[in-house]
């Protein structure tokens, strides 16, 4: 395992540059490293990733000195554990709406004594290699190191999530929050209007409250370029400007 490259970049007062994938491609991970990205993000909720593909992406990304973060298919401990065992160092949990959901989510991401994450035998625990783990001082010290290098981000994308935000933000193991403009707009009764000023105001209020509570707002710590943006925007510009 490597130190979380997003957290390390933030320590210098800079946002981390993150390349977003919705499908597995080791070639794109390698090209992202050549371009100078700090980390890779895999969208496991709407993207197409198997545990095997996440494992390969972590292997290549870590080899190039980039951490991997991911949005899980759902925020159950089962899926979180599968991704973390592969070596993912940041989890976005979709559709967090209550304090209990936030607490269960954080517990699944963090090892005891800070959470309830299960100890596995994959890359996330150095393949349970006692010699490697001993370099951290043993399993407990490795668990604490892993927790310090883990981002636990709750996705607040509904009116109930906003209504319960104070309680959600009180969860100690939660690093911070991110949003979901389309789903939030739908929850507000204005589906298909993510740019509606009412939705924008609510998102601004959510982010302001998170900062007041000393929680991370994801957009404050990373800049993300998704493969769709890169391909569609650059591709369209190329096509439209062609002779």
C-alpha atoms as a PDB file:
ATOM      1  CA  UNK A   1       0.000   0.000   0.000  1.00  0.00           C
ATOM      2  CA  UNK A   2       1.036   3.578  -0.637  1.00  0.00           C
ATOM      3  CA  UNK A   3       0.182   6.737   1.249  1.00  0.00           C
ATOM      4  CA  UNK A   4      -3.009   8.364   0.021  1.00  0.00           C
ATOM      5  CA  UNK A   5      -1.836  10.676  -2.741  1.00  0.00           C
ATOM      6  CA  UNK A   6      -4.938  12.869  -2.500  1.00  0.00           C
ATOM      7  CA  UNK A   7      -4.429  13.500   1.200  1.00  0.00           C
ATOM      8  CA  UNK A   8      -0.715  14.156   0.634  1.00  0.00           C
ATOM      9  CA  UNK A   9      -1.469  16.665  -2.132  1.00  0.00           C
ATOM     10  CA  UNK A  10      -3.982  18.417   0.131  1.00  0.00           C
ATOM     11  CA  UNK A  11      -1.360  18.750   2.869  1.00  0.00           C
ATOM     12  CA  UNK A  12       0.551  21.103   0.589  1.00  0.00           C
ATOM     13  CA  UNK A  13      -2.573  23.229   0.164  1.00  0.00           C
ATOM     14  CA  UNK A  14      -3.344  21.961  -3.335  1.00  0.00           C
ATOM     15  CA  UNK A  15      -6.239  20.096  -4.875  1.00  0.00           C
ATOM     16  CA  UNK A  16      -5.422  16.644  -6.205  1.00  0.00           C
ATOM     17  CA  UNK A  17      -5.907  16.003  -9.918  1.00  0.00           C
ATOM     18  CA  UNK A  18      -8.047  12.892 -10.337  1.00  0.00           C
ATOM     19  CA  UNK A  19      -8.900  10.954 -13.488  1.00  0.00           C
ATOM     20  CA  UNK A  20     -12.409   9.485 -13.461  1.00  0.00           C
ATOM     21  CA  UNK A  21     -13.313   6.146 -15.020  1.00  0.00           C
ATOM     22  CA  UNK A  22     -16.694   4.502 -15.550  1.00  0.00           C
ATOM     23  CA  UNK A  23     -15.197   1.351 -17.055  1.00  0.00           C
ATOM     24  CA  UNK A  24     -11.956  -0.553 -16.483  1.00  0.00           C
ATOM     25  CA  UNK A  25      -8.977   0.363 -18.633  1.00  0.00           C
ATOM     26  CA  UNK A  26      -5.439  -0.245 -17.477  1.00  0.00           C
ATOM     27  CA  UNK A  27      -4.169   1.621 -20.517  1.00  0.00           C
ATOM     28  CA  UNK A  28      -6.051   4.758 -19.456  1.00  0.00           C
ATOM     29  CA  UNK A  29      -4.697   4.409 -15.915  1.00  0.00           C
ATOM     30  CA  UNK A  30      -1.185   4.287 -17.345  1.00  0.00           C
ATOM     31  CA  UNK A  31      -1.845   7.268 -19.605  1.00  0.00           C
ATOM     32  CA  UNK A  32      -3.244   9.198 -16.629  1.00  0.00           C
ATOM     33  CA  UNK A  33       0.046   8.631 -14.844  1.00  0.00           C
ATOM     34  CA  UNK A  34       1.943   9.914 -17.880  1.00  0.00           C
ATOM     35  CA  UNK A  35      -0.292  13.016 -17.914  1.00  0.00           C
ATOM     36  CA  UNK A  36       0.550  13.709 -14.268  1.00  0.00           C
ATOM     37  CA  UNK A  37      -2.682  12.841 -12.476  1.00  0.00           C
ATOM     38  CA  UNK A  38      -2.453  12.238  -8.733  1.00  0.00           C
ATOM     39  CA  UNK A  39      -5.150   9.579  -8.398  1.00  0.00           C
ATOM     40  CA  UNK A  40      -7.825   7.516 -10.125  1.00  0.00           C
ATOM     41  CA  UNK A  41     -11.541   7.516  -9.347  1.00  0.00           C
ATOM     42  CA  UNK A  42     -13.773   4.577 -10.314  1.00  0.00           C
ATOM     43  CA  UNK A  43     -17.539   5.090 -10.424  1.00  0.00           C
ATOM     44  CA  UNK A  44     -18.778   1.707  -9.247  1.00  0.00           C
ATOM     45  CA  UNK A  45     -22.393   2.834  -8.842  1.00  0.00           C
ATOM     46  CA  UNK A  46     -23.061   3.739 -12.470  1.00  0.00           C
ATOM     47  CA  UNK A  47     -19.912   2.300 -14.028  1.00  0.00           C
ATOM     48  CA  UNK A  48     -18.945  -1.211 -15.027  1.00  0.00           C
ATOM     49  CA  UNK A  49     -16.416  -2.636 -12.554  1.00  0.00           C
ATOM     50  CA  UNK A  50     -15.870  -6.091 -11.144  1.00  0.00           C
ATOM     51  CA  UNK A  51     -13.738  -6.721  -8.050  1.00  0.00           C
ATOM     52  CA  UNK A  52     -11.122  -8.210 -10.391  1.00  0.00           C
ATOM     53  CA  UNK A  53     -10.973  -5.026 -12.477  1.00  0.00           C
ATOM     54  CA  UNK A  54     -10.697  -2.858  -9.363  1.00  0.00           C
ATOM     55  CA  UNK A  55      -7.834  -5.088  -8.216  1.00  0.00           C
ATOM     56  CA  UNK A  56      -5.980  -4.583 -11.503  1.00  0.00           C
ATOM     57  CA  UNK A  57      -6.590  -0.835 -11.506  1.00  0.00           C
ATOM     58  CA  UNK A  58      -5.220  -0.506  -7.964  1.00  0.00           C
ATOM     59  CA  UNK A  59      -2.198  -2.600  -8.884  1.00  0.00           C
ATOM     60  CA  UNK A  60      -1.278  -0.446 -11.885  1.00  0.00           C
ATOM     61  CA  UNK A  61      -2.211   2.879 -10.281  1.00  0.00           C
ATOM     62  CA  UNK A  62      -0.238   2.175  -7.105  1.00  0.00           C
ATOM     63  CA  UNK A  63       2.702   1.069  -9.229  1.00  0.00           C
ATOM     64  CA  UNK A  64       2.691   4.531 -10.790  1.00  0.00           C
ATOM     65  CA  UNK A  65       2.299   6.215  -7.406  1.00  0.00           C
ATOM     66  CA  UNK A  66      -1.410   7.019  -7.687  1.00  0.00           C
ATOM     67  CA  UNK A  67      -4.066   6.148  -5.122  1.00  0.00           C
ATOM     68  CA  UNK A  68      -7.486   4.865  -6.174  1.00  0.00           C
ATOM     69  CA  UNK A  69     -10.808   6.060  -4.783  1.00  0.00           C
ATOM     70  CA  UNK A  70     -14.222   4.741  -5.769  1.00  0.00           C
ATOM     71  CA  UNK A  71     -17.951   5.213  -5.477  1.00  0.00           C
ATOM     72  CA  UNK A  72     -19.314   1.818  -4.490  1.00  0.00           C
ATOM     73  CA  UNK A  73     -22.382   0.173  -6.102  1.00  0.00           C
ATOM     74  CA  UNK A  74     -24.131   0.598  -2.774  1.00  0.00           C
ATOM     75  CA  UNK A  75     -22.941   1.541   0.684  1.00  0.00           C
ATOM     76  CA  UNK A  76     -23.299  -1.908   2.220  1.00  0.00           C
ATOM     77  CA  UNK A  77     -20.343  -3.304   4.157  1.00  0.00           C
ATOM     78  CA  UNK A  78     -20.194  -6.163   1.643  1.00  0.00           C
ATOM     79  CA  UNK A  79     -19.380  -3.932  -1.341  1.00  0.00           C
ATOM     80  CA  UNK A  80     -17.188  -1.567   0.644  1.00  0.00           C
ATOM     81  CA  UNK A  81     -15.100  -4.479   1.904  1.00  0.00           C
ATOM     82  CA  UNK A  82     -14.671  -5.898  -1.606  1.00  0.00           C
ATOM     83  CA  UNK A  83     -13.339  -2.567  -2.885  1.00  0.00           C
ATOM     84  CA  UNK A  84     -11.129  -1.852   0.122  1.00  0.00           C
ATOM     85  CA  UNK A  85      -9.570  -5.313   0.027  1.00  0.00           C
ATOM     86  CA  UNK A  86      -8.408  -4.522  -3.513  1.00  0.00           C
ATOM     87  CA  UNK A  87      -6.508  -1.468  -2.277  1.00  0.00           C
ATOM     88  CA  UNK A  88      -8.970   1.415  -2.718  1.00  0.00           C
ATOM     89  CA  UNK A  89      -8.140   4.302  -0.352  1.00  0.00           C
ATOM     90  CA  UNK A  90     -11.290   6.368  -0.509  1.00  0.00           C
ATOM     91  CA  UNK A  91     -14.953   5.444  -0.658  1.00  0.00           C
ATOM     92  CA  UNK A  92     -17.923   7.552  -1.731  1.00  0.00           C
ATOM     93  CA  UNK A  93     -21.103   6.095  -0.262  1.00  0.00           C
ATOM     94  CA  UNK A  94     -24.190   6.943  -2.345  1.00  0.00           C
ATOM     95  CA  UNK A  95     -27.591   7.961  -0.983  1.00  0.00           C
ATOM     96  CA  UNK A  96     -26.689   8.637   2.657  1.00  0.00           C
ATOM     97  CA  UNK A  97     -29.802   9.996   4.347  1.00  0.00           C
ATOM     98  CA  UNK A  98     -29.562   9.303   8.104  1.00  0.00           C
ATOM     99  CA  UNK A  99     -27.031   9.316  10.902  1.00  0.00           C
ATOM    100  CA  UNK A 100     -27.281   5.535  11.209  1.00  0.00           C
ATOM    101  CA  UNK A 101     -26.528   5.093   7.524  1.00  0.00           C
ATOM    102  CA  UNK A 102     -23.558   7.448   7.857  1.00  0.00           C
ATOM    103  CA  UNK A 103     -22.307   5.621  10.947  1.00  0.00           C
ATOM    104  CA  UNK A 104     -22.642   2.191   9.334  1.00  0.00           C
ATOM    105  CA  UNK A 105     -20.896   3.526   6.236  1.00  0.00           C
ATOM    106  CA  UNK A 106     -17.959   4.958   8.195  1.00  0.00           C
ATOM    107  CA  UNK A 107     -17.684   1.817  10.321  1.00  0.00           C
ATOM    108  CA  UNK A 108     -17.388  -0.310   7.178  1.00  0.00           C
ATOM    109  CA  UNK A 109     -14.543   1.863   5.858  1.00  0.00           C
ATOM    110  CA  UNK A 110     -12.383   2.030   8.976  1.00  0.00           C
ATOM    111  CA  UNK A 111     -10.578  -0.661  10.922  1.00  0.00           C
ATOM    112  CA  UNK A 112     -11.033  -0.975  14.697  1.00  0.00           C
ATOM    113  CA  UNK A 113     -10.585   0.888  16.952  1.00  0.00           C
ATOM    114  CA  UNK A 114     -12.144   3.613  14.774  1.00  0.00           C
ATOM    115  CA  UNK A 115     -14.591   1.420  12.874  1.00  0.00           C
ATOM    116  CA  UNK A 116     -15.648  -2.133  12.155  1.00  0.00           C
ATOM    117  CA  UNK A 117     -13.903  -2.885   8.854  1.00  0.00           C
ATOM    118  CA  UNK A 118     -13.199  -6.568   8.400  1.00  0.00           C
ATOM    119  CA  UNK A 119      -9.573  -7.660   8.052  1.00  0.00           C
ATOM    120  CA  UNK A 120      -8.964  -9.387   4.724  1.00  0.00           C
ATOM    121  CA  UNK A 121      -6.127 -10.968   2.825  1.00  0.00           C
ATOM    122  CA  UNK A 122      -5.890  -8.724  -0.238  1.00  0.00           C
ATOM    123  CA  UNK A 123      -3.818  -5.725  -1.224  1.00  0.00           C
ATOM    124  CA  UNK A 124      -5.669  -3.567   1.298  1.00  0.00           C
ATOM    125  CA  UNK A 125      -3.975  -5.497   4.110  1.00  0.00           C
ATOM    126  CA  UNK A 126      -0.677  -6.164   2.309  1.00  0.00           C
ATOM    127  CA  UNK A 127      -1.941  -9.668   1.470  1.00  0.00           C
ATOM    128  CA  UNK A 128      -1.781 -10.396   5.204  1.00  0.00           C
ATOM    129  CA  UNK A 129       2.007 -10.503   4.928  1.00  0.00           C
ATOM    130  CA  UNK A 130       3.269 -10.302   8.496  1.00  0.00           C
ATOM    131  CA  UNK A 131       6.716  -9.123   7.405  1.00  0.00           C
ATOM    132  CA  UNK A 132       5.304  -6.246   5.388  1.00  0.00           C
ATOM    133  CA  UNK A 133       2.765  -5.362   8.071  1.00  0.00           C
ATOM    134  CA  UNK A 134       5.515  -5.400  10.708  1.00  0.00           C
ATOM    135  CA  UNK A 135       7.118  -2.456   8.897  1.00  0.00           C
ATOM    136  CA  UNK A 136       4.174  -0.440  10.235  1.00  0.00           C
ATOM    137  CA  UNK A 137       4.654  -1.844  13.731  1.00  0.00           C
ATOM    138  CA  UNK A 138       2.133  -4.695  13.543  1.00  0.00           C
ATOM    139  CA  UNK A 139      -1.510  -5.118  12.618  1.00  0.00           C
ATOM    140  CA  UNK A 140      -2.925  -2.506  14.989  1.00  0.00           C
ATOM    141  CA  UNK A 141      -0.490   0.167  13.823  1.00  0.00           C
ATOM    142  CA  UNK A 142      -1.123  -0.802  10.199  1.00  0.00           C
ATOM    143  CA  UNK A 143      -4.870  -0.462  10.823  1.00  0.00           C
ATOM    144  CA  UNK A 144      -4.360   3.018  12.266  1.00  0.00           C
ATOM    145  CA  UNK A 145      -2.133   3.966   9.308  1.00  0.00           C
ATOM    146  CA  UNK A 146      -4.741   2.676   6.871  1.00  0.00           C
ATOM    147  CA  UNK A 147      -7.474   4.672   8.599  1.00  0.00           C
ATOM    148  CA  UNK A 148      -5.396   7.850   8.339  1.00  0.00           C
ATOM    149  CA  UNK A 149      -5.031   7.212   4.618  1.00  0.00           C
ATOM    150  CA  UNK A 150      -8.739   6.561   4.023  1.00  0.00           C
ATOM    151  CA  UNK A 151     -11.253   9.088   2.694  1.00  0.00           C
ATOM    152  CA  UNK A 152     -14.831   8.389   3.813  1.00  0.00           C
ATOM    153  CA  UNK A 153     -17.191  10.561   1.758  1.00  0.00           C
ATOM    154  CA  UNK A 154     -20.979  10.455   2.176  1.00  0.00           C
ATOM    155  CA  UNK A 155     -23.024  11.446  -0.868  1.00  0.00           C
ATOM    156  CA  UNK A 156     -25.868  13.754   0.141  1.00  0.00           C
ATOM    157  CA  UNK A 157     -28.292  13.705  -2.783  1.00  0.00           C
ATOM    158  CA  UNK A 158     -31.782  13.952  -1.320  1.00  0.00           C
ATOM    159  CA  UNK A 159     -33.994  16.203   0.785  1.00  0.00           C
ATOM    160  CA  UNK A 160     -33.976  13.675   3.687  1.00  0.00           C
ATOM    161  CA  UNK A 161     -30.176  13.801   3.585  1.00  0.00           C
ATOM    162  CA  UNK A 162     -30.347  17.567   3.961  1.00  0.00           C
ATOM    163  CA  UNK A 163     -32.932  17.331   6.745  1.00  0.00           C
ATOM    164  CA  UNK A 164     -30.636  15.005   8.708  1.00  0.00           C
ATOM    165  CA  UNK A 165     -27.350  16.669   7.751  1.00  0.00           C
ATOM    166  CA  UNK A 166     -26.466  17.918  11.247  1.00  0.00           C
ATOM    167  CA  UNK A 167     -26.675  14.390  12.609  1.00  0.00           C
ATOM    168  CA  UNK A 168     -24.858  12.905   9.604  1.00  0.00           C
ATOM    169  CA  UNK A 169     -21.980  15.344  10.046  1.00  0.00           C
ATOM    170  CA  UNK A 170     -21.688  14.410  13.726  1.00  0.00           C
ATOM    171  CA  UNK A 171     -20.341  10.967  12.746  1.00  0.00           C
ATOM    172  CA  UNK A 172     -16.695  11.090  13.773  1.00  0.00           C
ATOM    173  CA  UNK A 173     -15.392   8.627  11.201  1.00  0.00           C
ATOM    174  CA  UNK A 174     -16.885  10.548   8.286  1.00  0.00           C
ATOM    175  CA  UNK A 175     -14.261  12.544   6.355  1.00  0.00           C
ATOM    176  CA  UNK A 176     -16.782  14.635   4.498  1.00  0.00           C
ATOM    177  CA  UNK A 177     -19.491  14.863   1.868  1.00  0.00           C
ATOM    178  CA  UNK A 178     -20.180  15.239  -1.809  1.00  0.00           C
ATOM    179  CA  UNK A 179     -23.347  15.895  -3.767  1.00  0.00           C
ATOM    180  CA  UNK A 180     -25.489  14.585  -6.585  1.00  0.00           C
ATOM    181  CA  UNK A 181     -27.193  17.435  -8.437  1.00  0.00           C
ATOM    182  CA  UNK A 182     -29.492  15.321 -10.617  1.00  0.00           C
ATOM    183  CA  UNK A 183     -30.794  13.096  -7.823  1.00  0.00           C
ATOM    184  CA  UNK A 184     -31.079  16.045  -5.459  1.00  0.00           C
ATOM    185  CA  UNK A 185     -33.137  17.964  -7.995  1.00  0.00           C
ATOM    186  CA  UNK A 186     -35.436  14.960  -8.414  1.00  0.00           C
ATOM    187  CA  UNK A 187     -35.811  14.656  -4.633  1.00  0.00           C
ATOM    188  CA  UNK A 188     -36.741  18.351  -4.491  1.00  0.00           C
ATOM    189  CA  UNK A 189     -39.549  17.805  -6.988  1.00  0.00           C
ATOM    190  CA  UNK A 190     -37.759  19.417  -9.910  1.00  0.00           C
ATOM    191  CA  UNK A 191     -36.509  16.384 -11.874  1.00  0.00           C
ATOM    192  CA  UNK A 192     -34.332  17.115 -14.885  1.00  0.00           C
ATOM    193  CA  UNK A 193     -33.386  20.551 -13.523  1.00  0.00           C
ATOM    194  CA  UNK A 194     -29.981  20.160 -11.835  1.00  0.00           C
ATOM    195  CA  UNK A 195     -29.159  23.769 -12.767  1.00  0.00           C
ATOM    196  CA  UNK A 196     -32.274  25.121 -11.056  1.00  0.00           C
ATOM    197  CA  UNK A 197     -31.279  27.931  -8.635  1.00  0.00           C
ATOM    198  CA  UNK A 198     -33.201  26.212  -5.825  1.00  0.00           C
ATOM    199  CA  UNK A 199     -31.067  23.077  -6.222  1.00  0.00           C
ATOM    200  CA  UNK A 200     -27.882  25.138  -6.442  1.00  0.00           C
ATOM    201  CA  UNK A 201     -28.819  27.024  -3.264  1.00  0.00           C
ATOM    202  CA  UNK A 202     -29.505  23.817  -1.355  1.00  0.00           C
ATOM    203  CA  UNK A 203     -26.181  22.330  -2.447  1.00  0.00           C
ATOM    204  CA  UNK A 204     -24.419  25.514  -1.364  1.00  0.00           C
ATOM    205  CA  UNK A 205     -26.118  25.292   2.039  1.00  0.00           C
ATOM    206  CA  UNK A 206     -25.123  21.622   2.391  1.00  0.00           C
ATOM    207  CA  UNK A 207     -21.496  22.389   1.594  1.00  0.00           C
ATOM    208  CA  UNK A 208     -21.395  25.430   3.884  1.00  0.00           C
ATOM    209  CA  UNK A 209     -22.713  23.423   6.825  1.00  0.00           C
ATOM    210  CA  UNK A 210     -20.167  20.674   6.170  1.00  0.00           C
ATOM    211  CA  UNK A 211     -17.318  23.189   6.240  1.00  0.00           C
ATOM    212  CA  UNK A 212     -18.681  24.707   9.465  1.00  0.00           C
ATOM    213  CA  UNK A 213     -18.526  21.241  11.013  1.00  0.00           C
ATOM    214  CA  UNK A 214     -14.914  20.799   9.809  1.00  0.00           C
ATOM    215  CA  UNK A 215     -15.836  18.137   7.293  1.00  0.00           C
ATOM    216  CA  UNK A 216     -14.388  17.857   3.802  1.00  0.00           C
ATOM    217  CA  UNK A 217     -16.341  18.953   0.752  1.00  0.00           C
ATOM    218  CA  UNK A 218     -15.040  16.713  -2.013  1.00  0.00           C
ATOM    219  CA  UNK A 219     -14.839  19.489  -4.603  1.00  0.00           C
ATOM    220  CA  UNK A 220     -12.556  21.406  -2.226  1.00  0.00           C
ATOM    221  CA  UNK A 221      -9.900  18.673  -2.288  1.00  0.00           C
ATOM    222  CA  UNK A 222      -9.970  17.235  -5.819  1.00  0.00           C
ATOM    223  CA  UNK A 223     -10.318  18.303  -9.437  1.00  0.00           C
ATOM    224  CA  UNK A 224     -11.762  15.497 -11.532  1.00  0.00           C
ATOM    225  CA  UNK A 225     -11.575  14.972 -15.269  1.00  0.00           C
ATOM    226  CA  UNK A 226     -13.870  12.125 -16.283  1.00  0.00           C
ATOM    227  CA  UNK A 227     -13.235  10.017 -19.362  1.00  0.00           C
ATOM    228  CA  UNK A 228     -16.625  11.096 -20.789  1.00  0.00           C
ATOM    229  CA  UNK A 229     -15.655  14.764 -20.591  1.00  0.00           C
ATOM    230  CA  UNK A 230     -12.274  14.089 -22.137  1.00  0.00           C
ATOM    231  CA  UNK A 231     -13.682  12.043 -25.000  1.00  0.00           C
ATOM    232  CA  UNK A 232     -16.929  13.877 -25.762  1.00  0.00           C
ATOM    233  CA  UNK A 233     -15.771  17.475 -25.336  1.00  0.00           C
ATOM    234  CA  UNK A 234     -12.374  17.041 -26.946  1.00  0.00           C
ATOM    235  CA  UNK A 235     -13.760  14.686 -29.575  1.00  0.00           C
ATOM    236  CA  UNK A 236     -16.600  17.014 -30.499  1.00  0.00           C
ATOM    237  CA  UNK A 237     -14.225  19.970 -30.702  1.00  0.00           C
ATOM    238  CA  UNK A 238     -11.989  17.945 -33.023  1.00  0.00           C
ATOM    239  CA  UNK A 239     -14.905  16.852 -35.226  1.00  0.00           C
ATOM    240  CA  UNK A 240     -16.548  20.276 -35.417  1.00  0.00           C
ATOM    241  CA  UNK A 241     -13.288  22.056 -36.191  1.00  0.00           C
ATOM    242  CA  UNK A 242     -12.314  19.563 -38.885  1.00  0.00           C
ATOM    243  CA  UNK A 243     -11.952  20.518 -42.492  1.00  0.00           C
END
